[in-house]
Protein backbone atom coordinates (compact mmCIF):
# COMPACT_ATOMS: atom_id res chain seq x y z
CA VAL A 1 101.04 118.57 88.03
CA ALA A 2 104.29 117.75 89.77
CA LYS A 3 107.36 119.18 88.03
CA SER A 4 109.96 117.89 90.45
CA ASP A 5 110.56 114.89 92.68
CA ALA A 6 109.88 117.05 95.72
CA GLN A 7 106.49 118.11 94.36
CA PHE A 8 105.68 114.49 93.50
CA GLU A 9 106.62 113.45 97.05
CA GLN A 10 104.41 116.20 98.48
CA LEU A 11 101.45 115.15 96.31
CA ALA A 12 101.94 111.52 97.36
CA ALA A 13 101.98 112.54 101.04
CA GLU A 14 98.76 114.59 100.66
CA ASP A 15 96.66 112.36 98.41
CA PRO A 16 96.14 108.58 98.77
CA ILE A 17 95.63 108.17 95.01
CA MET A 18 98.93 109.93 94.30
CA LYS A 19 100.60 107.77 96.94
CA LEU A 20 99.32 104.65 95.18
CA ALA A 21 100.41 106.03 91.79
CA LYS A 22 103.88 106.78 93.14
CA GLN A 23 104.21 103.31 94.64
CA THR A 24 102.97 101.70 91.41
CA LEU A 25 105.51 103.63 89.34
CA GLU A 26 108.28 102.67 91.73
CA ASP A 27 107.25 99.00 91.56
CA LEU A 28 107.10 99.06 87.78
CA SER A 29 110.49 100.72 87.51
CA GLN A 30 111.99 97.80 89.46
CA ASP A 31 110.46 95.18 87.14
CA PRO A 32 112.85 94.34 84.25
CA GLU A 33 110.00 93.11 82.06
CA ALA A 34 108.00 96.31 82.59
CA ARG A 35 111.10 98.40 81.81
CA ARG A 36 111.67 96.37 78.63
CA GLU A 37 108.05 96.83 77.55
CA ALA A 38 108.25 100.57 78.26
CA TRP A 39 111.46 100.80 76.22
CA GLU A 40 109.82 98.89 73.34
CA ARG A 41 106.82 101.24 73.43
CA GLU A 42 109.12 104.27 73.32
CA GLU A 43 111.09 102.79 70.41
CA ALA A 44 107.90 101.94 68.52
CA LEU A 45 106.56 105.44 69.07
CA ALA A 46 109.84 106.99 67.88
CA LEU A 47 109.81 104.77 64.79
CA TYR A 48 106.20 105.71 64.08
CA ASN A 49 106.94 109.44 64.48
CA ASN A 50 110.00 109.17 62.20
CA SER A 51 107.98 107.28 59.63
CA LEU A 52 105.20 109.86 59.80
CA ALA A 53 107.68 112.72 59.38
CA ALA A 54 109.28 110.97 56.42
CA SER A 55 105.87 110.42 54.82
CA LYS A 56 104.98 114.07 55.27
CA ALA A 57 108.30 115.19 53.80
CA GLU A 58 107.82 112.83 50.87
CA GLY A 59 104.32 114.20 50.33
CA VAL A 60 105.60 117.78 50.34
CA LEU A 61 108.32 116.90 47.85
CA GLU A 62 105.87 115.11 45.59
CA GLY A 63 103.41 118.01 45.77
CA MET A 64 106.11 120.54 44.90
CA ALA A 65 107.27 118.44 41.95
CA LYS A 66 103.71 118.08 40.63
CA THR A 67 103.05 121.80 41.01
CA LEU A 68 106.24 122.68 39.15
CA ALA A 69 105.44 120.12 36.43
CA ASN A 70 102.02 121.75 36.00
CA LEU A 71 103.54 125.23 35.81
CA LEU A 72 106.17 124.10 33.32
CA GLY A 73 103.50 122.39 31.24
CA LEU A 74 101.33 125.49 31.19
CA ARG A 75 104.27 127.72 30.29
CA PHE A 76 106.17 125.53 27.83
CA GLY A 77 103.82 122.76 26.73
CA ARG A 78 104.39 119.02 26.98
CA LEU A 79 107.42 118.17 29.10
CA PRO A 80 110.09 115.77 27.85
CA ASP A 81 110.75 112.68 29.95
CA ARG A 82 114.17 114.01 30.98
CA VAL A 83 112.45 116.99 32.66
CA ARG A 84 109.99 114.72 34.47
CA VAL A 85 112.86 112.56 35.73
CA ARG A 86 114.68 115.65 36.93
CA LEU A 87 111.60 116.79 38.84
CA GLU A 88 111.12 113.36 40.43
CA THR A 89 114.72 113.26 41.70
CA ALA A 90 115.01 116.86 42.87
CA THR A 91 115.43 118.12 46.41
CA VAL A 92 113.03 120.53 48.10
CA GLU A 93 115.61 123.29 47.70
CA GLN A 94 116.01 122.66 43.96
CA LEU A 95 112.25 122.59 43.44
CA GLY A 96 111.90 125.88 45.28
CA VAL A 97 114.50 127.59 43.09
CA TRP A 98 113.07 126.15 39.89
CA THR A 99 109.53 127.15 40.83
CA GLN A 100 110.68 130.76 41.18
CA ARG A 101 112.54 130.63 37.87
CA VAL A 102 109.54 129.30 35.94
CA LEU A 103 107.99 132.76 36.17
CA THR A 104 110.74 134.49 34.18
CA ALA A 105 112.45 131.73 32.17
CA LYS A 106 112.09 131.77 28.40
CA THR A 107 112.82 128.04 28.05
CA PRO A 108 112.65 124.97 30.29
CA ASP A 109 116.47 124.83 30.21
CA GLU A 110 116.62 128.29 31.82
CA VAL A 111 114.52 126.98 34.69
CA PHE A 112 117.09 124.27 35.42
CA ALA A 113 120.26 126.31 34.74
CA SER A 114 122.84 126.24 37.54
């Protein structure tokens, strides 16, 4: 695999297939429509990757909130709606702190204390 222009040039000089590939890339890079299509593909891929990362982060957050809700329910019984709302709007950092506190808290309010 060529890691520099010089290596790419050398491969193109030694191998007819690489020479054709090099010429094809050069031709495509001169075509405004091909450059636009390549840019659109890169943008679509970036959007997809961002969307995927956001979905994963949302899934982690939702999983942490559900786990903490289950722990709180086991420890303190049925949770009031205000606690459920708090869990649904929490950050990952808050959920992490609260999950640790659930082990030693005597009341749900102690879990959420500042």
